[in-house]
Amino acid sequence: MAEYLQQDMECEGLLECLHGLKELDKQCYRVVIESENPLTIDDIAERIDRERSTAYRSIQRLLQSGFIQKEQVNYDQGGYYHVYKPTDPGEVSHDMQRMLNEWYAKMGQLIQEFEDKYDPMEQPEQPV
């Protein structure tokens, strides 16, 4: 945490800081965001110049974090495929704010527990 606070961070750093996403995940996210149309895994893999399976794992992390959405497109003759598009940035920022507030509350609680446990004024005196 101290390392993150000392860095010059850009807003994309939140992807890593709050969600543990990797550089490749951020690259995939940029590809999805910059596209005018939803993309397939094959489209994304081609644009990041990686194997389909590598792109798929990265896209799964982005889906799990809520940064992108998956839609099913049906063929007229039957069958389907999936495309990926960005989640509304307002929704993503709201979720990150909620996550930060929950983290802040939890840290406050842990700090209070630390103080209660280790503050010498709060410690019961040992019998002699």
N, C-alpha and C. Protein backbone atom coordinates (compact mmCIF):
# COMPACT_ATOMS: atom_id res chain seq x y z
N MET A 1 0.83 -1.19 0.00
CA MET A 1 0.00 0.00 0.00
C MET A 1 0.87 1.25 0.00
N ALA A 2 1.93 1.25 0.84
CA ALA A 2 2.81 2.42 0.90
C ALA A 2 3.43 2.69 -0.45
N GLU A 3 3.76 1.62 -1.18
CA GLU A 3 4.34 1.77 -2.52
C GLU A 3 3.37 2.47 -3.46
N TYR A 4 2.11 2.10 -3.44
CA TYR A 4 1.10 2.74 -4.30
C TYR A 4 0.94 4.22 -3.96
N LEU A 5 0.96 4.54 -2.67
CA LEU A 5 0.76 5.92 -2.25
C LEU A 5 1.93 6.83 -2.65
N GLN A 6 3.11 6.25 -2.81
CA GLN A 6 4.28 7.03 -3.16
C GLN A 6 4.46 7.18 -4.66
N GLN A 7 3.77 6.40 -5.46
CA GLN A 7 3.90 6.44 -6.91
C GLN A 7 3.12 7.60 -7.50
N ASP A 8 3.61 8.07 -8.66
CA ASP A 8 2.81 8.96 -9.48
C ASP A 8 1.89 8.04 -10.26
N MET A 9 0.62 8.03 -9.89
CA MET A 9 -0.30 7.07 -10.48
C MET A 9 -1.24 7.77 -11.45
N GLU A 10 -1.51 7.10 -12.56
CA GLU A 10 -2.51 7.56 -13.50
C GLU A 10 -3.81 6.85 -13.17
N CYS A 11 -4.90 7.33 -13.73
CA CYS A 11 -6.20 6.73 -13.39
C CYS A 11 -6.26 5.24 -13.74
N GLU A 12 -5.55 4.81 -14.79
CA GLU A 12 -5.54 3.39 -15.15
C GLU A 12 -4.87 2.55 -14.06
N GLY A 13 -4.07 3.20 -13.21
CA GLY A 13 -3.44 2.49 -12.11
C GLY A 13 -4.45 1.92 -11.14
N LEU A 14 -5.66 2.46 -11.15
CA LEU A 14 -6.72 1.93 -10.30
C LEU A 14 -7.06 0.49 -10.69
N LEU A 15 -6.89 0.17 -11.97
CA LEU A 15 -7.16 -1.20 -12.41
C LEU A 15 -6.25 -2.18 -11.67
N GLU A 16 -5.01 -1.78 -11.52
CA GLU A 16 -4.04 -2.62 -10.82
C GLU A 16 -4.21 -2.54 -9.31
N CYS A 17 -4.33 -1.33 -8.80
CA CYS A 17 -4.39 -1.10 -7.35
C CYS A 17 -5.63 -1.72 -6.71
N LEU A 18 -6.79 -1.45 -7.25
CA LEU A 18 -8.03 -1.92 -6.64
C LEU A 18 -8.42 -3.33 -7.06
N HIS A 19 -8.01 -3.74 -8.27
CA HIS A 19 -8.48 -5.02 -8.78
C HIS A 19 -7.38 -6.03 -9.07
N GLY A 20 -6.12 -5.63 -8.90
CA GLY A 20 -5.02 -6.55 -9.12
C GLY A 20 -4.83 -6.94 -10.57
N LEU A 21 -5.28 -6.09 -11.48
CA LEU A 21 -5.14 -6.41 -12.90
C LEU A 21 -3.72 -6.15 -13.37
N LYS A 22 -3.33 -6.87 -14.42
CA LYS A 22 -1.98 -6.81 -14.94
C LYS A 22 -1.89 -5.85 -16.13
N GLU A 23 -0.67 -5.62 -16.58
CA GLU A 23 -0.45 -4.73 -17.72
C GLU A 23 -1.21 -5.22 -18.95
N LEU A 24 -1.22 -6.53 -19.20
CA LEU A 24 -1.94 -7.07 -20.34
C LEU A 24 -3.44 -6.81 -20.21
N ASP A 25 -3.96 -6.90 -18.99
CA ASP A 25 -5.38 -6.62 -18.76
C ASP A 25 -5.69 -5.17 -19.11
N LYS A 26 -4.80 -4.26 -18.71
CA LYS A 26 -5.00 -2.84 -19.04
C LYS A 26 -4.94 -2.63 -20.55
N GLN A 27 -4.05 -3.36 -21.21
CA GLN A 27 -3.95 -3.26 -22.67
C GLN A 27 -5.24 -3.74 -23.32
N CYS A 28 -5.77 -4.85 -22.87
CA CYS A 28 -7.04 -5.36 -23.40
C CYS A 28 -8.17 -4.38 -23.14
N TYR A 29 -8.19 -3.80 -21.97
CA TYR A 29 -9.23 -2.82 -21.63
C TYR A 29 -9.17 -1.63 -22.58
N ARG A 30 -7.96 -1.14 -22.85
CA ARG A 30 -7.82 -0.02 -23.79
C ARG A 30 -8.36 -0.39 -25.17
N VAL A 31 -8.08 -1.61 -25.61
CA VAL A 31 -8.56 -2.07 -26.92
C VAL A 31 -10.08 -2.06 -26.96
N VAL A 32 -10.71 -2.57 -25.92
CA VAL A 32 -12.17 -2.63 -25.86
C VAL A 32 -12.76 -1.22 -25.79
N ILE A 33 -12.16 -0.37 -24.97
CA ILE A 33 -12.65 1.01 -24.82
C ILE A 33 -12.54 1.79 -26.12
N GLU A 34 -11.43 1.62 -26.83
CA GLU A 34 -11.17 2.41 -28.03
C GLU A 34 -11.95 1.93 -29.25
N SER A 35 -12.54 0.76 -29.18
CA SER A 35 -13.29 0.23 -30.31
C SER A 35 -14.69 0.85 -30.37
N GLU A 36 -15.12 1.17 -31.57
CA GLU A 36 -16.47 1.72 -31.75
C GLU A 36 -17.54 0.64 -31.62
N ASN A 37 -17.15 -0.60 -31.88
CA ASN A 37 -18.08 -1.72 -31.84
C ASN A 37 -17.60 -2.77 -30.85
N PRO A 38 -18.53 -3.58 -30.31
CA PRO A 38 -18.11 -4.69 -29.46
C PRO A 38 -17.16 -5.62 -30.21
N LEU A 39 -16.25 -6.26 -29.48
CA LEU A 39 -15.22 -7.10 -30.09
C LEU A 39 -15.33 -8.54 -29.63
N THR A 40 -14.93 -9.46 -30.50
CA THR A 40 -14.82 -10.87 -30.12
C THR A 40 -13.44 -11.09 -29.49
N ILE A 41 -13.28 -12.25 -28.87
CA ILE A 41 -11.97 -12.61 -28.32
C ILE A 41 -10.93 -12.61 -29.43
N ASP A 42 -11.29 -13.14 -30.59
CA ASP A 42 -10.34 -13.17 -31.71
C ASP A 42 -9.91 -11.76 -32.12
N ASP A 43 -10.86 -10.83 -32.15
CA ASP A 43 -10.54 -9.43 -32.48
C ASP A 43 -9.54 -8.87 -31.46
N ILE A 44 -9.81 -9.11 -30.21
CA ILE A 44 -8.96 -8.58 -29.14
C ILE A 44 -7.57 -9.20 -29.21
N ALA A 45 -7.51 -10.52 -29.38
CA ALA A 45 -6.22 -11.22 -29.47
C ALA A 45 -5.38 -10.67 -30.62
N GLU A 46 -6.02 -10.41 -31.73
CA GLU A 46 -5.31 -9.87 -32.89
C GLU A 46 -4.76 -8.48 -32.60
N ARG A 47 -5.55 -7.66 -31.94
CA ARG A 47 -5.13 -6.27 -31.66
C ARG A 47 -4.03 -6.17 -30.61
N ILE A 48 -3.97 -7.13 -29.70
CA ILE A 48 -2.90 -7.11 -28.70
C ILE A 48 -1.74 -8.02 -29.10
N ASP A 49 -1.87 -8.68 -30.24
CA ASP A 49 -0.84 -9.57 -30.79
C ASP A 49 -0.46 -10.67 -29.80
N ARG A 50 -1.50 -11.35 -29.31
CA ARG A 50 -1.32 -12.47 -28.38
C ARG A 50 -2.21 -13.63 -28.82
N GLU A 51 -1.95 -14.78 -28.23
CA GLU A 51 -2.78 -15.96 -28.49
C GLU A 51 -4.19 -15.73 -27.97
N ARG A 52 -5.13 -16.42 -28.58
CA ARG A 52 -6.54 -16.30 -28.19
C ARG A 52 -6.73 -16.65 -26.72
N SER A 53 -6.08 -17.71 -26.25
CA SER A 53 -6.24 -18.15 -24.86
C SER A 53 -5.71 -17.09 -23.88
N THR A 54 -4.65 -16.40 -24.24
CA THR A 54 -4.10 -15.34 -23.39
C THR A 54 -5.08 -14.18 -23.31
N ALA A 55 -5.61 -13.79 -24.45
CA ALA A 55 -6.61 -12.71 -24.47
C ALA A 55 -7.84 -13.11 -23.67
N TYR A 56 -8.26 -14.36 -23.81
CA TYR A 56 -9.45 -14.84 -23.10
C TYR A 56 -9.27 -14.73 -21.59
N ARG A 57 -8.11 -15.13 -21.07
CA ARG A 57 -7.86 -15.05 -19.61
C ARG A 57 -7.91 -13.60 -19.14
N SER A 58 -7.33 -12.71 -19.91
CA SER A 58 -7.33 -11.30 -19.55
C SER A 58 -8.76 -10.75 -19.57
N ILE A 59 -9.52 -11.10 -20.58
CA ILE A 59 -10.91 -10.64 -20.70
C ILE A 59 -11.74 -11.18 -19.54
N GLN A 60 -11.46 -12.39 -19.11
CA GLN A 60 -12.19 -12.95 -17.97
C GLN A 60 -11.92 -12.15 -16.70
N ARG A 61 -10.67 -11.72 -16.50
CA ARG A 61 -10.36 -10.89 -15.34
C ARG A 61 -11.08 -9.55 -15.42
N LEU A 62 -11.16 -8.97 -16.61
CA LEU A 62 -11.86 -7.70 -16.79
C LEU A 62 -13.37 -7.86 -16.56
N LEU A 63 -13.92 -8.97 -17.01
CA LEU A 63 -15.34 -9.26 -16.77
C LEU A 63 -15.60 -9.40 -15.27
N GLN A 64 -14.74 -10.15 -14.61
CA GLN A 64 -14.90 -10.40 -13.17
C GLN A 64 -14.81 -9.10 -12.38
N SER A 65 -13.99 -8.18 -12.84
CA SER A 65 -13.81 -6.89 -12.17
C SER A 65 -14.92 -5.90 -12.53
N GLY A 66 -15.72 -6.22 -13.55
CA GLY A 66 -16.83 -5.36 -13.93
C GLY A 66 -16.48 -4.25 -14.91
N PHE A 67 -15.28 -4.29 -15.49
CA PHE A 67 -14.87 -3.24 -16.42
C PHE A 67 -15.45 -3.42 -17.81
N ILE A 68 -15.77 -4.64 -18.16
CA ILE A 68 -16.37 -4.90 -19.47
C ILE A 68 -17.59 -5.81 -19.30
N GLN A 69 -18.37 -5.89 -20.37
CA GLN A 69 -19.57 -6.73 -20.37
C GLN A 69 -19.52 -7.67 -21.56
N LYS A 70 -20.14 -8.82 -21.39
CA LYS A 70 -20.21 -9.82 -22.45
C LYS A 70 -21.63 -9.88 -22.96
N GLU A 71 -21.76 -9.89 -24.29
CA GLU A 71 -23.07 -10.05 -24.91
C GLU A 71 -23.04 -11.23 -25.86
N GLN A 72 -24.16 -11.92 -25.94
CA GLN A 72 -24.29 -13.03 -26.87
C GLN A 72 -24.94 -12.54 -28.15
N VAL A 73 -24.33 -12.90 -29.28
CA VAL A 73 -24.89 -12.57 -30.60
C VAL A 73 -25.30 -13.88 -31.25
N ASN A 74 -26.57 -13.98 -31.65
CA ASN A 74 -27.09 -15.21 -32.25
C ASN A 74 -27.01 -15.17 -33.77
N TYR A 75 -26.61 -16.30 -34.35
CA TYR A 75 -26.64 -16.45 -35.81
C TYR A 75 -28.07 -16.75 -36.22
N ASP A 76 -28.47 -16.33 -37.41
CA ASP A 76 -29.82 -16.60 -37.92
C ASP A 76 -30.06 -18.10 -38.07
N GLN A 77 -29.04 -18.84 -38.46
CA GLN A 77 -29.19 -20.28 -38.70
C GLN A 77 -29.00 -21.11 -37.43
N GLY A 78 -28.80 -20.45 -36.31
CA GLY A 78 -28.55 -21.16 -35.05
C GLY A 78 -27.10 -20.97 -34.62
N GLY A 79 -26.87 -21.12 -33.38
CA GLY A 79 -25.54 -20.91 -32.83
C GLY A 79 -25.37 -19.46 -32.38
N TYR A 80 -24.25 -19.20 -31.76
CA TYR A 80 -24.00 -17.86 -31.25
C TYR A 80 -22.51 -17.65 -31.04
N TYR A 81 -22.14 -16.41 -30.75
CA TYR A 81 -20.79 -16.05 -30.34
C TYR A 81 -20.90 -14.89 -29.36
N HIS A 82 -19.81 -14.62 -28.66
CA HIS A 82 -19.83 -13.55 -27.67
C HIS A 82 -18.99 -12.36 -28.14
N VAL A 83 -19.45 -11.18 -27.77
CA VAL A 83 -18.70 -9.96 -27.99
C VAL A 83 -18.57 -9.23 -26.66
N TYR A 84 -17.57 -8.36 -26.61
CA TYR A 84 -17.25 -7.67 -25.36
C TYR A 84 -17.25 -6.17 -25.60
N LYS A 85 -17.84 -5.46 -24.65
CA LYS A 85 -17.90 -4.01 -24.74
C LYS A 85 -17.64 -3.43 -23.36
N PRO A 86 -17.22 -2.17 -23.29
CA PRO A 86 -16.93 -1.58 -21.98
C PRO A 86 -18.20 -1.33 -21.17
N THR A 87 -18.07 -1.48 -19.88
CA THR A 87 -19.14 -1.09 -18.96
C THR A 87 -19.14 0.43 -18.88
N ASP A 88 -20.28 1.02 -18.66
CA ASP A 88 -20.39 2.47 -18.54
C ASP A 88 -19.38 2.97 -17.50
N PRO A 89 -18.52 3.93 -17.88
CA PRO A 89 -17.50 4.42 -16.94
C PRO A 89 -18.09 4.96 -15.64
N GLY A 90 -19.26 5.56 -15.67
CA GLY A 90 -19.89 6.04 -14.44
C GLY A 90 -20.21 4.91 -13.50
N GLU A 91 -20.66 3.80 -14.05
CA GLU A 91 -20.97 2.62 -13.24
C GLU A 91 -19.69 2.03 -12.64
N VAL A 92 -18.63 1.98 -13.44
CA VAL A 92 -17.34 1.45 -12.98
C VAL A 92 -16.79 2.34 -11.87
N SER A 93 -16.84 3.66 -12.06
CA SER A 93 -16.30 4.56 -11.03
C SER A 93 -17.13 4.49 -9.75
N HIS A 94 -18.43 4.32 -9.88
CA HIS A 94 -19.29 4.16 -8.70
C HIS A 94 -18.90 2.90 -7.92
N ASP A 95 -18.66 1.80 -8.64
CA ASP A 95 -18.25 0.56 -7.99
C ASP A 95 -16.89 0.70 -7.32
N MET A 96 -15.96 1.42 -7.97
CA MET A 96 -14.65 1.63 -7.36
C MET A 96 -14.76 2.50 -6.11
N GLN A 97 -15.63 3.50 -6.14
CA GLN A 97 -15.83 4.36 -4.98
C GLN A 97 -16.41 3.56 -3.82
N ARG A 98 -17.39 2.70 -4.12
CA ARG A 98 -17.97 1.83 -3.10
C ARG A 98 -16.91 0.92 -2.50
N MET A 99 -16.08 0.33 -3.36
CA MET A 99 -15.02 -0.56 -2.91
C MET A 99 -14.02 0.20 -2.01
N LEU A 100 -13.67 1.40 -2.41
CA LEU A 100 -12.76 2.22 -1.62
C LEU A 100 -13.36 2.57 -0.26
N ASN A 101 -14.64 2.93 -0.24
CA ASN A 101 -15.32 3.26 1.03
C ASN A 101 -15.36 2.05 1.97
N GLU A 102 -15.62 0.87 1.40
CA GLU A 102 -15.64 -0.34 2.22
C GLU A 102 -14.25 -0.63 2.77
N TRP A 103 -13.22 -0.45 1.93
CA TRP A 103 -11.84 -0.68 2.36
C TRP A 103 -11.47 0.31 3.47
N TYR A 104 -11.84 1.58 3.28
CA TYR A 104 -11.54 2.61 4.27
C TYR A 104 -12.19 2.28 5.61
N ALA A 105 -13.44 1.86 5.60
CA ALA A 105 -14.13 1.50 6.83
C ALA A 105 -13.46 0.30 7.51
N LYS A 106 -13.06 -0.68 6.72
CA LYS A 106 -12.39 -1.86 7.27
C LYS A 106 -11.05 -1.48 7.88
N MET A 107 -10.28 -0.62 7.20
CA MET A 107 -8.99 -0.19 7.72
C MET A 107 -9.17 0.59 9.03
N GLY A 108 -10.19 1.43 9.10
CA GLY A 108 -10.49 2.16 10.33
C GLY A 108 -10.78 1.22 11.47
N GLN A 109 -11.54 0.18 11.19
CA GLN A 109 -11.87 -0.82 12.20
C GLN A 109 -10.61 -1.55 12.67
N LEU A 110 -9.74 -1.93 11.73
CA LEU A 110 -8.51 -2.63 12.09
C LEU A 110 -7.56 -1.73 12.89
N ILE A 111 -7.50 -0.46 12.54
CA ILE A 111 -6.67 0.48 13.29
C ILE A 111 -7.17 0.61 14.72
N GLN A 112 -8.48 0.67 14.88
CA GLN A 112 -9.06 0.75 16.23
C GLN A 112 -8.76 -0.52 17.01
N GLU A 113 -8.86 -1.68 16.36
CA GLU A 113 -8.54 -2.95 17.03
C GLU A 113 -7.07 -2.97 17.45
N PHE A 114 -6.19 -2.44 16.58
CA PHE A 114 -4.77 -2.37 16.90
C PHE A 114 -4.55 -1.50 18.14
N GLU A 115 -5.17 -0.34 18.15
CA GLU A 115 -5.03 0.58 19.28
C GLU A 115 -5.55 -0.06 20.56
N ASP A 116 -6.73 -0.70 20.46
CA ASP A 116 -7.30 -1.35 21.65
C ASP A 116 -6.39 -2.45 22.19
N LYS A 117 -5.74 -3.15 21.31
CA LYS A 117 -4.91 -4.28 21.70
C LYS A 117 -3.55 -3.85 22.24
N TYR A 118 -2.95 -2.78 21.67
CA TYR A 118 -1.57 -2.46 21.99
C TYR A 118 -1.36 -1.13 22.72
N ASP A 119 -2.39 -0.36 22.95
CA ASP A 119 -2.22 0.91 23.66
C ASP A 119 -1.91 0.60 25.12
N PRO A 120 -0.74 1.06 25.62
CA PRO A 120 -0.37 0.73 27.01
C PRO A 120 -1.34 1.27 28.04
N MET A 121 -2.02 2.35 27.73
CA MET A 121 -2.99 2.91 28.68
C MET A 121 -4.21 2.02 28.80
N GLU A 122 -4.46 1.21 27.80
CA GLU A 122 -5.63 0.36 27.79
C GLU A 122 -5.35 -1.04 28.36
N GLN A 123 -4.08 -1.38 28.53
CA GLN A 123 -3.72 -2.72 28.99
C GLN A 123 -4.03 -2.87 30.48
N PRO A 124 -4.64 -3.97 30.87
CA PRO A 124 -4.86 -4.21 32.31
C PRO A 124 -3.52 -4.43 33.01
N GLU A 125 -3.44 -3.95 34.24
CA GLU A 125 -2.21 -4.12 34.99
C GLU A 125 -2.06 -5.58 35.40
N GLN A 126 -0.80 -6.03 35.36
CA GLN A 126 -0.49 -7.40 35.74
C GLN A 126 -0.42 -7.49 37.27
N PRO A 127 -1.03 -8.50 37.89
CA PRO A 127 -0.91 -8.65 39.35
C PRO A 127 0.55 -8.95 39.72
N VAL A 128 0.98 -8.43 40.88
CA VAL A 128 2.35 -8.61 41.34
C VAL A 128 2.47 -9.84 42.16
